[in-house]
C-alpha cells in the first residue's frame, strides 16, 4: 500500500483549525488569513461553519497550516 504525499491526508478541517489556534493563535491567524471569523469573537465552531462553505478561505487556511504548523514539526 502506498503512503500519501499529501500533508493534509487524514486530517480533518477541525483538526487543522485547532492546531493552528494552539500553535499560532487567533490574532496571527487573522493576520495571515484576513477573514472575520478569525478577527471578531473567533471560535472553532464559527470558523468551521465559514470554512466549510468558502473554498478559497479553506485553501488559505490549509496553506497556512502547512507553512506555519507542519514546517515546525519536522
Protein backbone atom coordinates (compact mmCIF):
# COMPACT_ATOMS: atom_id res chain seq x y z
CA UNK A 1 0.00 0.00 0.00
CA UNK A 2 1.36 3.41 -0.99
CA UNK A 3 1.74 6.21 1.50
CA UNK A 4 0.13 9.55 0.59
CA UNK A 5 2.44 12.51 -0.06
CA UNK A 6 -0.41 14.90 0.76
CA UNK A 7 0.44 16.61 4.08
CA UNK A 8 -3.30 17.05 4.75
CA UNK A 9 -4.15 13.38 4.21
CA UNK A 10 -6.19 12.04 7.10
CA UNK A 11 -6.53 15.42 8.82
CA UNK A 12 -9.96 16.94 9.34
CA UNK A 13 -10.62 20.64 8.94
CA UNK A 14 -11.41 20.79 12.65
CA UNK A 15 -8.01 19.26 13.49
CA UNK A 16 -6.26 21.78 11.20
CA UNK A 17 -8.05 24.79 12.74
CA UNK A 18 -7.40 23.60 16.31
CA UNK A 19 -3.71 23.00 15.57
CA UNK A 20 -3.38 26.49 14.10
CA UNK A 21 -5.11 28.05 17.13
CA UNK A 22 -2.86 26.11 19.52
CA UNK A 23 0.35 26.90 17.66
CA UNK A 24 -0.10 30.44 16.32
CA UNK A 25 -3.29 31.84 17.90
CA UNK A 26 -6.32 33.66 16.54
CA UNK A 27 -4.58 37.04 16.19
CA UNK A 28 -1.80 35.69 13.98
CA UNK A 29 -4.29 33.57 12.02
CA UNK A 30 -6.37 36.71 11.34
CA UNK A 31 -3.24 38.49 10.16
CA UNK A 32 -2.27 35.65 7.81
CA UNK A 33 -5.80 34.93 6.55
CA UNK A 34 -7.93 38.05 6.81
CA UNK A 35 -11.40 36.65 7.46
CA UNK A 36 -13.92 37.89 10.01
CA UNK A 37 -14.38 34.54 11.74
CA UNK A 38 -10.74 34.84 12.90
CA UNK A 39 -10.99 38.55 13.78
CA UNK A 40 -14.32 39.06 15.54
CA UNK A 41 -15.12 36.80 18.52
CA UNK A 42 -13.32 33.80 16.99
CA UNK A 43 -14.31 30.24 17.77
CA UNK A 44 -13.57 26.88 16.21
CA UNK A 45 -17.29 26.31 15.57
CA UNK A 46 -17.85 29.60 13.68
CA UNK A 47 -14.63 29.15 11.75
CA UNK A 48 -15.56 25.64 10.64
CA UNK A 49 -19.00 26.78 9.52
CA UNK A 50 -17.47 29.53 7.36
CA UNK A 51 -14.56 27.49 6.02
CA UNK A 52 -16.74 24.54 5.01
CA UNK A 53 -18.78 26.75 2.68
CA UNK A 54 -15.96 29.02 1.45
CA UNK A 55 -13.42 27.06 -0.63
CA UNK A 56 -10.98 29.95 -1.17
CA UNK A 57 -10.73 30.60 2.59
CA UNK A 58 -10.36 26.90 3.37
CA UNK A 59 -7.49 26.68 0.86
CA UNK A 60 -5.73 29.61 2.56
CA UNK A 61 -6.15 28.04 6.00
CA UNK A 62 -4.80 24.70 4.75
CA UNK A 63 -1.81 26.53 3.21
CA UNK A 64 -1.24 28.39 6.49
CA UNK A 65 -1.33 25.07 8.38
CA UNK A 66 1.25 23.50 6.05
CA UNK A 67 3.56 26.54 6.10
CA UNK A 68 3.23 27.62 9.73
CA UNK A 69 2.42 24.48 11.71
CA UNK A 70 3.76 21.47 9.81
CA UNK A 71 7.12 23.05 8.97
CA UNK A 72 7.96 23.27 12.68
CA UNK A 73 7.02 19.64 13.33
CA UNK A 74 9.82 18.37 11.10
